[in-house]
Amino acid sequence: MRRHHRWTWTLLGVVLVVAVAVVALWPVYVRPRTDIPAPADAILVLGGAHDGREQLGLRLAREGYAPRVLFSDPYENSGLVNRICHGGYSFEVTCFDPSPRTTRGEGRELARLARADNWRRVIVVTFTPHISRARYILEKCWDGELLFTDPEPDLSVLRWGYDYVYQSVGYIKAFFEDC
């Protein structure tokens, strides 16, 4: 009987910790601060799942928000990104392989290009659970204005759970790294 009570209390403790984490991190991962797009020097589309971010970056450029779109291309071979990188557009499209192949590498490339061309504002496109961590990392790399937006993908509960853990571990790693 004593063992049963200990197991029950342990289980309740775990459920409580998970519930508190979900509620506390809700505004970080599920409802992060996004920005209304405004005229910018460039649009940066971060690498990751092909969840509509590429199309959103191109649409924002077509709507005149920026004269160029930068696509992070950390993929070994992505047909979608290859088509985008070699397509003909009325605006500039630049594709780059970040080093390292992480948000940190994307931030380094953003800083290099922004400093070379004297940019002041960049629109960053990524997916919802990544926005807060990407903002934290990119702000370490470049002190210009960053406006974040996302394609608002429809994620499953399992995917949200995975991203809570993945993004949290990424935050801890980023805390100990500079740009």
N, C-alpha and C. Protein backbone atom coordinates (compact mmCIF):
# COMPACT_ATOMS: atom_id res chain seq x y z
N MET A 1 0.83 -1.20 0.00
CA MET A 1 0.00 0.00 0.00
C MET A 1 0.87 1.26 0.00
N ARG A 2 1.93 1.23 0.78
CA ARG A 2 2.83 2.38 0.88
C ARG A 2 3.47 2.70 -0.47
N ARG A 3 3.84 1.65 -1.19
CA ARG A 3 4.42 1.81 -2.52
C ARG A 3 3.44 2.47 -3.48
N HIS A 4 2.19 2.05 -3.38
CA HIS A 4 1.15 2.59 -4.24
C HIS A 4 1.00 4.10 -4.01
N HIS A 5 1.00 4.54 -2.75
CA HIS A 5 0.88 5.98 -2.44
C HIS A 5 2.08 6.76 -2.98
N ARG A 6 3.26 6.22 -2.85
CA ARG A 6 4.47 6.89 -3.34
C ARG A 6 4.39 7.05 -4.85
N TRP A 7 3.97 5.98 -5.53
CA TRP A 7 3.85 6.03 -6.99
C TRP A 7 2.79 7.05 -7.40
N THR A 8 1.68 7.08 -6.70
CA THR A 8 0.60 8.02 -6.99
C THR A 8 1.08 9.46 -6.82
N TRP A 9 1.78 9.74 -5.71
CA TRP A 9 2.29 11.09 -5.47
C TRP A 9 3.34 11.49 -6.50
N THR A 10 4.17 10.54 -6.89
CA THR A 10 5.18 10.82 -7.92
C THR A 10 4.50 11.16 -9.23
N LEU A 11 3.52 10.38 -9.62
CA LEU A 11 2.78 10.63 -10.85
C LEU A 11 2.08 11.98 -10.81
N LEU A 12 1.44 12.30 -9.69
CA LEU A 12 0.79 13.61 -9.56
C LEU A 12 1.80 14.74 -9.65
N GLY A 13 2.97 14.55 -9.07
CA GLY A 13 4.03 15.57 -9.14
C GLY A 13 4.49 15.80 -10.57
N VAL A 14 4.66 14.71 -11.32
CA VAL A 14 5.08 14.82 -12.72
C VAL A 14 4.00 15.53 -13.54
N VAL A 15 2.75 15.15 -13.34
CA VAL A 15 1.65 15.78 -14.07
C VAL A 15 1.59 17.28 -13.73
N LEU A 16 1.79 17.63 -12.48
CA LEU A 16 1.77 19.03 -12.07
C LEU A 16 2.92 19.82 -12.72
N VAL A 17 4.12 19.25 -12.72
CA VAL A 17 5.27 19.91 -13.34
C VAL A 17 5.02 20.12 -14.83
N VAL A 18 4.52 19.10 -15.52
CA VAL A 18 4.23 19.23 -16.95
C VAL A 18 3.16 20.29 -17.19
N ALA A 19 2.11 20.30 -16.38
CA ALA A 19 1.04 21.28 -16.55
C ALA A 19 1.57 22.70 -16.34
N VAL A 20 2.38 22.90 -15.32
CA VAL A 20 2.95 24.23 -15.06
C VAL A 20 3.86 24.64 -16.21
N ALA A 21 4.67 23.71 -16.73
CA ALA A 21 5.56 24.02 -17.86
C ALA A 21 4.76 24.41 -19.10
N VAL A 22 3.70 23.68 -19.38
CA VAL A 22 2.88 23.98 -20.56
C VAL A 22 2.28 25.37 -20.44
N VAL A 23 1.72 25.68 -19.27
CA VAL A 23 1.10 26.99 -19.07
C VAL A 23 2.16 28.10 -19.10
N ALA A 24 3.29 27.89 -18.42
CA ALA A 24 4.33 28.93 -18.35
C ALA A 24 4.95 29.20 -19.72
N LEU A 25 5.12 28.17 -20.53
CA LEU A 25 5.77 28.32 -21.83
C LEU A 25 4.81 28.58 -22.98
N TRP A 26 3.52 28.60 -22.71
CA TRP A 26 2.52 28.85 -23.74
C TRP A 26 2.81 30.13 -24.52
N PRO A 27 3.07 31.26 -23.83
CA PRO A 27 3.34 32.49 -24.59
C PRO A 27 4.69 32.48 -25.31
N VAL A 28 5.56 31.58 -24.96
CA VAL A 28 6.88 31.49 -25.61
C VAL A 28 6.79 30.68 -26.89
N TYR A 29 6.08 29.55 -26.85
CA TYR A 29 6.07 28.64 -27.99
C TYR A 29 4.77 28.64 -28.80
N VAL A 30 3.63 28.76 -28.14
CA VAL A 30 2.35 28.66 -28.84
C VAL A 30 1.85 30.03 -29.30
N ARG A 31 2.04 31.05 -28.50
CA ARG A 31 1.60 32.42 -28.83
C ARG A 31 2.75 33.41 -28.67
N PRO A 32 3.85 33.20 -29.41
CA PRO A 32 4.97 34.13 -29.27
C PRO A 32 4.63 35.50 -29.87
N ARG A 33 5.40 36.49 -29.49
CA ARG A 33 5.20 37.82 -30.05
C ARG A 33 5.58 37.80 -31.53
N THR A 34 4.64 38.16 -32.38
CA THR A 34 4.92 38.30 -33.80
C THR A 34 4.74 39.77 -34.15
N ASP A 35 5.21 40.14 -35.31
CA ASP A 35 5.18 41.54 -35.71
C ASP A 35 4.41 41.69 -37.01
N ILE A 36 3.81 42.83 -37.19
CA ILE A 36 3.15 43.15 -38.44
C ILE A 36 4.25 43.51 -39.44
N PRO A 37 4.28 42.85 -40.59
CA PRO A 37 5.32 43.19 -41.58
C PRO A 37 5.29 44.68 -41.93
N ALA A 38 6.47 45.22 -42.13
CA ALA A 38 6.64 46.62 -42.52
C ALA A 38 7.78 46.66 -43.54
N PRO A 39 7.87 47.72 -44.31
CA PRO A 39 8.96 47.81 -45.28
C PRO A 39 10.31 47.53 -44.61
N ALA A 40 11.10 46.70 -45.28
CA ALA A 40 12.37 46.26 -44.70
C ALA A 40 13.43 46.19 -45.80
N ASP A 41 14.67 46.01 -45.36
CA ASP A 41 15.77 45.88 -46.31
C ASP A 41 15.84 44.47 -46.89
N ALA A 42 15.36 43.48 -46.12
CA ALA A 42 15.41 42.09 -46.58
C ALA A 42 14.40 41.26 -45.80
N ILE A 43 14.11 40.10 -46.34
CA ILE A 43 13.30 39.08 -45.68
C ILE A 43 14.21 37.87 -45.53
N LEU A 44 14.31 37.35 -44.33
CA LEU A 44 15.12 36.16 -44.05
C LEU A 44 14.21 35.00 -43.72
N VAL A 45 14.28 33.93 -44.51
CA VAL A 45 13.48 32.73 -44.27
C VAL A 45 14.42 31.71 -43.64
N LEU A 46 14.17 31.37 -42.37
CA LEU A 46 15.02 30.42 -41.67
C LEU A 46 14.73 29.00 -42.14
N GLY A 47 15.74 28.15 -42.07
CA GLY A 47 15.59 26.76 -42.48
C GLY A 47 14.74 25.99 -41.50
N GLY A 48 14.27 24.85 -41.93
CA GLY A 48 13.44 24.00 -41.07
C GLY A 48 12.43 23.27 -41.93
N ALA A 49 11.34 22.88 -41.29
CA ALA A 49 10.29 22.15 -41.99
C ALA A 49 9.72 23.03 -43.11
N HIS A 50 9.37 22.40 -44.19
CA HIS A 50 8.73 23.12 -45.29
C HIS A 50 7.25 23.24 -44.95
N ASP A 51 6.95 24.24 -44.13
CA ASP A 51 5.62 24.40 -43.55
C ASP A 51 4.89 25.63 -44.05
N GLY A 52 5.34 26.16 -45.16
CA GLY A 52 4.73 27.35 -45.71
C GLY A 52 5.59 28.59 -45.53
N ARG A 53 6.69 28.47 -44.81
CA ARG A 53 7.54 29.65 -44.58
C ARG A 53 8.17 30.17 -45.87
N GLU A 54 8.55 29.26 -46.77
CA GLU A 54 9.14 29.70 -48.04
C GLU A 54 8.14 30.51 -48.85
N GLN A 55 6.92 30.00 -48.93
CA GLN A 55 5.87 30.69 -49.69
C GLN A 55 5.55 32.04 -49.05
N LEU A 56 5.54 32.10 -47.72
CA LEU A 56 5.26 33.36 -47.04
C LEU A 56 6.36 34.39 -47.33
N GLY A 57 7.62 33.97 -47.29
CA GLY A 57 8.72 34.87 -47.61
C GLY A 57 8.61 35.43 -49.01
N LEU A 58 8.30 34.56 -49.97
CA LEU A 58 8.13 35.02 -51.36
C LEU A 58 6.93 35.95 -51.50
N ARG A 59 5.84 35.62 -50.84
CA ARG A 59 4.63 36.46 -50.92
C ARG A 59 4.91 37.86 -50.36
N LEU A 60 5.61 37.93 -49.22
CA LEU A 60 5.93 39.24 -48.64
C LEU A 60 6.78 40.08 -49.60
N ALA A 61 7.71 39.43 -50.29
CA ALA A 61 8.53 40.16 -51.26
C ALA A 61 7.67 40.62 -52.45
N ARG A 62 6.79 39.74 -52.94
CA ARG A 62 5.90 40.11 -54.04
C ARG A 62 5.01 41.29 -53.66
N GLU A 63 4.63 41.35 -52.38
CA GLU A 63 3.78 42.44 -51.89
C GLU A 63 4.59 43.72 -51.65
N GLY A 64 5.91 43.65 -51.86
CA GLY A 64 6.72 44.86 -51.80
C GLY A 64 7.33 45.20 -50.45
N TYR A 65 7.33 44.26 -49.51
CA TYR A 65 7.90 44.55 -48.19
C TYR A 65 9.41 44.67 -48.20
N ALA A 66 10.06 44.00 -49.14
CA ALA A 66 11.53 44.08 -49.21
C ALA A 66 11.97 43.74 -50.64
N PRO A 67 13.12 44.27 -51.05
CA PRO A 67 13.62 44.02 -52.40
C PRO A 67 14.37 42.70 -52.55
N ARG A 68 14.57 42.00 -51.43
CA ARG A 68 15.34 40.75 -51.48
C ARG A 68 14.85 39.77 -50.42
N VAL A 69 14.99 38.48 -50.75
CA VAL A 69 14.66 37.41 -49.80
C VAL A 69 15.89 36.52 -49.67
N LEU A 70 16.27 36.27 -48.43
CA LEU A 70 17.38 35.36 -48.13
C LEU A 70 16.79 34.05 -47.65
N PHE A 71 17.21 32.96 -48.28
CA PHE A 71 16.73 31.64 -47.87
C PHE A 71 17.88 30.85 -47.27
N SER A 72 17.71 30.44 -46.04
CA SER A 72 18.67 29.54 -45.44
C SER A 72 18.47 28.18 -46.10
N ASP A 73 19.55 27.60 -46.58
CA ASP A 73 19.48 26.31 -47.28
C ASP A 73 20.45 25.31 -46.65
N PRO A 74 20.11 24.82 -45.44
CA PRO A 74 20.98 23.85 -44.78
C PRO A 74 20.70 22.40 -45.21
N TYR A 75 19.88 22.24 -46.23
CA TYR A 75 19.43 20.92 -46.65
C TYR A 75 20.44 20.29 -47.60
N GLU A 76 20.56 19.00 -47.53
CA GLU A 76 21.42 18.29 -48.47
C GLU A 76 20.84 18.38 -49.88
N ASN A 77 19.52 18.21 -49.97
CA ASN A 77 18.89 18.32 -51.28
C ASN A 77 17.38 18.51 -51.09
N SER A 78 16.93 19.73 -51.22
CA SER A 78 15.51 20.04 -51.11
C SER A 78 15.03 20.54 -52.46
N GLY A 79 14.16 19.77 -53.09
CA GLY A 79 13.61 20.17 -54.38
C GLY A 79 12.93 21.53 -54.30
N LEU A 80 12.18 21.77 -53.23
CA LEU A 80 11.48 23.04 -53.07
C LEU A 80 12.47 24.21 -53.01
N VAL A 81 13.46 24.10 -52.16
CA VAL A 81 14.43 25.19 -52.02
C VAL A 81 15.27 25.35 -53.29
N ASN A 82 15.62 24.23 -53.93
CA ASN A 82 16.36 24.33 -55.20
C ASN A 82 15.57 25.10 -56.25
N ARG A 83 14.26 24.82 -56.36
CA ARG A 83 13.41 25.54 -57.31
C ARG A 83 13.36 27.03 -56.97
N ILE A 84 13.22 27.33 -55.68
CA ILE A 84 13.16 28.73 -55.25
C ILE A 84 14.47 29.44 -55.57
N CYS A 85 15.59 28.80 -55.25
CA CYS A 85 16.90 29.42 -55.42
C CYS A 85 17.26 29.66 -56.89
N HIS A 86 16.64 28.90 -57.79
CA HIS A 86 16.96 29.04 -59.22
C HIS A 86 15.79 29.60 -60.02
N GLY A 87 14.77 30.09 -59.32
CA GLY A 87 13.61 30.65 -60.02
C GLY A 87 13.85 32.09 -60.42
N GLY A 88 13.05 32.58 -61.34
CA GLY A 88 13.16 33.97 -61.77
C GLY A 88 12.13 34.81 -61.04
N TYR A 89 12.58 35.82 -60.35
CA TYR A 89 11.69 36.68 -59.58
C TYR A 89 11.95 38.13 -59.93
N SER A 90 11.01 38.98 -59.62
CA SER A 90 11.18 40.42 -59.84
C SER A 90 11.93 41.07 -58.69
N PHE A 91 12.36 40.26 -57.74
CA PHE A 91 13.14 40.72 -56.60
C PHE A 91 14.32 39.77 -56.44
N GLU A 92 15.29 40.18 -55.68
CA GLU A 92 16.50 39.38 -55.50
C GLU A 92 16.23 38.20 -54.55
N VAL A 93 16.72 37.03 -54.92
CA VAL A 93 16.65 35.85 -54.05
C VAL A 93 18.07 35.34 -53.86
N THR A 94 18.46 35.22 -52.60
CA THR A 94 19.79 34.72 -52.25
C THR A 94 19.62 33.51 -51.35
N CYS A 95 20.29 32.43 -51.69
CA CYS A 95 20.26 31.23 -50.87
C CYS A 95 21.65 31.01 -50.29
N PHE A 96 21.71 30.59 -49.04
CA PHE A 96 23.00 30.37 -48.39
C PHE A 96 22.92 29.15 -47.48
N ASP A 97 24.05 28.51 -47.31
CA ASP A 97 24.19 27.36 -46.42
C ASP A 97 24.82 27.90 -45.14
N PRO A 98 24.05 27.99 -44.04
CA PRO A 98 24.59 28.59 -42.83
C PRO A 98 25.69 27.73 -42.19
N SER A 99 26.60 28.41 -41.52
CA SER A 99 27.68 27.71 -40.82
C SER A 99 27.79 28.27 -39.41
N PRO A 100 27.44 27.44 -38.41
CA PRO A 100 26.93 26.08 -38.50
C PRO A 100 25.49 26.05 -39.03
N ARG A 101 25.03 24.87 -39.32
CA ARG A 101 23.69 24.71 -39.89
C ARG A 101 22.63 24.77 -38.79
N THR A 102 22.59 25.92 -38.15
CA THR A 102 21.68 26.17 -37.03
C THR A 102 21.19 27.61 -37.13
N THR A 103 20.30 27.99 -36.22
CA THR A 103 19.84 29.37 -36.16
C THR A 103 21.03 30.30 -35.90
N ARG A 104 21.98 29.85 -35.14
CA ARG A 104 23.19 30.64 -34.87
C ARG A 104 23.94 30.94 -36.18
N GLY A 105 24.08 29.93 -37.04
CA GLY A 105 24.73 30.14 -38.34
C GLY A 105 23.92 31.09 -39.21
N GLU A 106 22.60 30.98 -39.14
CA GLU A 106 21.74 31.89 -39.90
C GLU A 106 21.91 33.32 -39.38
N GLY A 107 22.02 33.47 -38.07
CA GLY A 107 22.24 34.79 -37.48
C GLY A 107 23.58 35.38 -37.90
N ARG A 108 24.59 34.56 -37.98
CA ARG A 108 25.92 35.04 -38.42
C ARG A 108 25.86 35.55 -39.85
N GLU A 109 25.17 34.80 -40.72
CA GLU A 109 25.07 35.23 -42.13
C GLU A 109 24.23 36.50 -42.24
N LEU A 110 23.14 36.57 -41.48
CA LEU A 110 22.33 37.79 -41.47
C LEU A 110 23.20 38.98 -41.06
N ALA A 111 23.96 38.85 -40.00
CA ALA A 111 24.80 39.96 -39.51
C ALA A 111 25.82 40.36 -40.57
N ARG A 112 26.44 39.38 -41.22
CA ARG A 112 27.45 39.67 -42.25
C ARG A 112 26.84 40.47 -43.40
N LEU A 113 25.71 39.99 -43.92
CA LEU A 113 25.06 40.67 -45.04
C LEU A 113 24.51 42.04 -44.63
N ALA A 114 23.90 42.11 -43.46
CA ALA A 114 23.31 43.37 -43.00
C ALA A 114 24.36 44.45 -42.80
N ARG A 115 25.50 44.06 -42.24
CA ARG A 115 26.57 45.04 -42.04
C ARG A 115 27.17 45.48 -43.37
N ALA A 116 27.33 44.55 -44.30
CA ALA A 116 27.93 44.86 -45.60
C ALA A 116 27.06 45.84 -46.39
N ASP A 117 25.73 45.70 -46.26
CA ASP A 117 24.82 46.54 -47.05
C ASP A 117 24.09 47.59 -46.22
N ASN A 118 24.47 47.72 -44.95
CA ASN A 118 23.90 48.77 -44.09
C ASN A 118 22.39 48.63 -43.88
N TRP A 119 21.92 47.42 -43.65
CA TRP A 119 20.50 47.21 -43.42
C TRP A 119 20.11 47.69 -42.04
N ARG A 120 18.86 48.12 -41.93
CA ARG A 120 18.33 48.58 -40.65
C ARG A 120 17.21 47.69 -40.13
N ARG A 121 16.44 47.08 -41.06
CA ARG A 121 15.29 46.26 -40.65
C ARG A 121 15.21 45.03 -41.54
N VAL A 122 14.94 43.88 -40.90
CA VAL A 122 14.79 42.61 -41.61
C VAL A 122 13.54 41.90 -41.08
N ILE A 123 12.75 41.37 -41.98
CA ILE A 123 11.61 40.53 -41.61
C ILE A 123 12.12 39.09 -41.57
N VAL A 124 11.87 38.40 -40.47
CA VAL A 124 12.32 37.02 -40.31
C VAL A 124 11.09 36.11 -40.33
N VAL A 125 11.16 35.08 -41.16
CA VAL A 125 10.06 34.12 -41.28
C VAL A 125 10.54 32.77 -40.76
N THR A 126 9.83 32.25 -39.78
CA THR A 126 10.10 30.92 -39.24
C THR A 126 8.77 30.36 -38.78
N PHE A 127 8.78 29.24 -38.03
CA PHE A 127 7.50 28.70 -37.61
C PHE A 127 7.26 29.00 -36.13
N THR A 128 6.01 28.98 -35.75
CA THR A 128 5.55 29.49 -34.47
C THR A 128 6.40 29.09 -33.26
N PRO A 129 6.65 27.80 -33.00
CA PRO A 129 7.39 27.46 -31.79
C PRO A 129 8.85 27.96 -31.78
N HIS A 130 9.36 28.33 -32.93
CA HIS A 130 10.76 28.75 -33.05
C HIS A 130 10.95 30.26 -32.92
N ILE A 131 9.89 31.03 -33.00
CA ILE A 131 10.00 32.49 -33.06
C ILE A 131 10.77 33.07 -31.88
N SER A 132 10.39 32.74 -30.66
CA SER A 132 11.02 33.35 -29.49
C SER A 132 12.51 33.01 -29.40
N ARG A 133 12.84 31.76 -29.65
CA ARG A 133 14.25 31.35 -29.58
C ARG A 133 15.04 31.97 -30.72
N ALA A 134 14.45 32.02 -31.92
CA ALA A 134 15.14 32.65 -33.05
C ALA A 134 15.38 34.13 -32.77
N ARG A 135 14.41 34.80 -32.18
CA ARG A 135 14.57 36.22 -31.84
C ARG A 135 15.75 36.37 -30.87
N TYR A 136 15.79 35.53 -29.85
CA TYR A 136 16.87 35.58 -28.86
C TYR A 136 18.24 35.40 -29.51
N ILE A 137 18.35 34.44 -30.40
CA ILE A 137 19.64 34.15 -31.04
C ILE A 137 20.02 35.24 -32.04
N LEU A 138 19.09 35.62 -32.91
CA LEU A 138 19.41 36.61 -33.94
C LEU A 138 19.74 37.97 -33.33
N GLU A 139 19.10 38.32 -32.22
CA GLU A 139 19.42 39.58 -31.55
C GLU A 139 20.83 39.58 -30.96
N LYS A 140 21.37 38.40 -30.69
CA LYS A 140 22.77 38.30 -30.24
C LYS A 140 23.73 38.59 -31.40
N CYS A 141 23.27 38.33 -32.62
CA CYS A 141 24.13 38.46 -33.80
C CYS A 141 24.07 39.83 -34.45
N TRP A 142 22.91 40.47 -34.41
CA TRP A 142 22.74 41.72 -35.14
C TRP A 142 21.84 42.64 -34.33
N ASP A 143 22.19 43.92 -34.26
CA ASP A 143 21.42 44.84 -33.44
C ASP A 143 20.42 45.68 -34.23
N GLY A 144 20.17 45.31 -35.48
CA GLY A 144 19.15 45.99 -36.27
C GLY A 144 17.76 45.54 -35.84
N GLU A 145 16.75 46.12 -36.45
CA GLU A 145 15.36 45.78 -36.11
C GLU A 145 14.95 44.48 -36.79
N LEU A 146 14.39 43.57 -36.02
CA LEU A 146 13.93 42.28 -36.53
C LEU A 146 12.42 42.20 -36.33
N LEU A 147 11.71 41.92 -37.41
CA LEU A 147 10.26 41.71 -37.36
C LEU A 147 10.01 40.23 -37.65
N PHE A 148 9.34 39.54 -36.75
CA PHE A 148 9.12 38.10 -36.91
C PHE A 148 7.68 37.81 -37.31
N THR A 149 7.55 36.90 -38.26
CA THR A 149 6.24 36.43 -38.70
C THR A 149 6.33 34.95 -39.01
N ASP A 150 5.19 34.30 -39.12
CA ASP A 150 5.18 32.86 -39.38
C ASP A 150 3.97 32.49 -40.22
N PRO A 151 4.03 31.32 -40.85
CA PRO A 151 2.91 30.87 -41.68
C PRO A 151 1.78 30.24 -40.87
N GLU A 152 1.92 30.24 -39.54
CA GLU A 152 0.93 29.66 -38.64
C GLU A 152 0.52 28.24 -39.04
N PRO A 153 1.48 27.33 -39.04
CA PRO A 153 1.16 25.95 -39.43
C PRO A 153 0.25 25.28 -38.41
N ASP A 154 -0.50 24.32 -38.87
CA ASP A 154 -1.40 23.54 -38.00
C ASP A 154 -0.60 22.36 -37.46
N LEU A 155 -0.19 22.44 -36.20
CA LEU A 155 0.65 21.39 -35.61
C LEU A 155 -0.17 20.47 -34.72
N SER A 156 0.18 19.19 -34.73
CA SER A 156 -0.50 18.21 -33.87
C SER A 156 -0.05 18.40 -32.42
N VAL A 157 -0.80 17.84 -31.50
CA VAL A 157 -0.44 17.89 -30.08
C VAL A 157 0.92 17.25 -29.87
N LEU A 158 1.18 16.13 -30.55
CA LEU A 158 2.47 15.45 -30.43
C LEU A 158 3.60 16.37 -30.90
N ARG A 159 3.39 17.07 -32.00
CA ARG A 159 4.41 17.98 -32.51
C ARG A 159 4.64 19.15 -31.55
N TRP A 160 3.55 19.68 -30.96
CA TRP A 160 3.71 20.75 -29.97
C TRP A 160 4.54 20.24 -28.79
N GLY A 161 4.27 19.04 -28.33
CA GLY A 161 5.04 18.47 -27.21
C GLY A 161 6.51 18.34 -27.56
N TYR A 162 6.79 17.84 -28.76
CA TYR A 162 8.17 17.72 -29.22
C TYR A 162 8.84 19.09 -29.24
N ASP A 163 8.14 20.09 -29.79
CA ASP A 163 8.74 21.42 -29.91
C ASP A 163 8.93 22.09 -28.55
N TYR A 164 8.07 21.84 -27.59
CA TYR A 164 8.30 22.37 -26.24
C TYR A 164 9.66 21.90 -25.74
N VAL A 165 9.93 20.62 -25.89
CA VAL A 165 11.19 20.06 -25.41
C VAL A 165 12.36 20.54 -26.27
N TYR A 166 12.23 20.43 -27.59
CA TYR A 166 13.32 20.79 -28.51
C TYR A 166 13.71 22.26 -28.36
N GLN A 167 12.73 23.15 -28.36
CA GLN A 167 13.02 24.58 -28.25
C GLN A 167 13.59 24.92 -26.88
N SER A 168 13.12 24.26 -25.83
CA SER A 168 13.65 24.52 -24.49
C SER A 168 15.12 24.12 -24.39
N VAL A 169 15.47 22.96 -24.94
CA VAL A 169 16.87 22.54 -24.96
C VAL A 169 17.69 23.52 -25.79
N GLY A 170 17.13 23.97 -26.92
CA GLY A 170 17.81 24.95 -27.76
C GLY A 170 18.05 26.27 -27.04
N TYR A 171 17.10 26.69 -26.23
CA TYR A 171 17.27 27.92 -25.44
C TYR A 171 18.43 27.76 -24.46
N ILE A 172 18.50 26.63 -23.80
CA ILE A 172 19.59 26.40 -22.82
C ILE A 172 20.93 26.44 -23.55
N LYS A 173 21.02 25.79 -24.69
CA LYS A 173 22.26 25.81 -25.47
C LYS A 173 22.60 27.24 -25.90
N ALA A 174 21.61 27.97 -26.40
CA ALA A 174 21.84 29.33 -26.87
C ALA A 174 22.29 30.27 -25.76
N PHE A 175 21.82 30.01 -24.55
CA PHE A 175 22.18 30.84 -23.41
C PHE A 175 23.70 30.85 -23.20
N PHE A 176 24.33 29.72 -23.48
CA PHE A 176 25.78 29.58 -23.24
C PHE A 176 26.62 29.91 -24.46
N GLU A 177 25.98 30.30 -25.56
CA GLU A 177 26.72 30.62 -26.79
C GLU A 177 26.60 32.10 -27.12
N ASP A 178 27.64 32.62 -27.74
CA ASP A 178 27.51 33.95 -28.30
C ASP A 178 27.04 33.75 -29.74
N CYS A 179 27.12 34.79 -30.54
CA CYS A 179 26.74 34.62 -31.93
C CYS A 179 27.87 33.94 -32.65
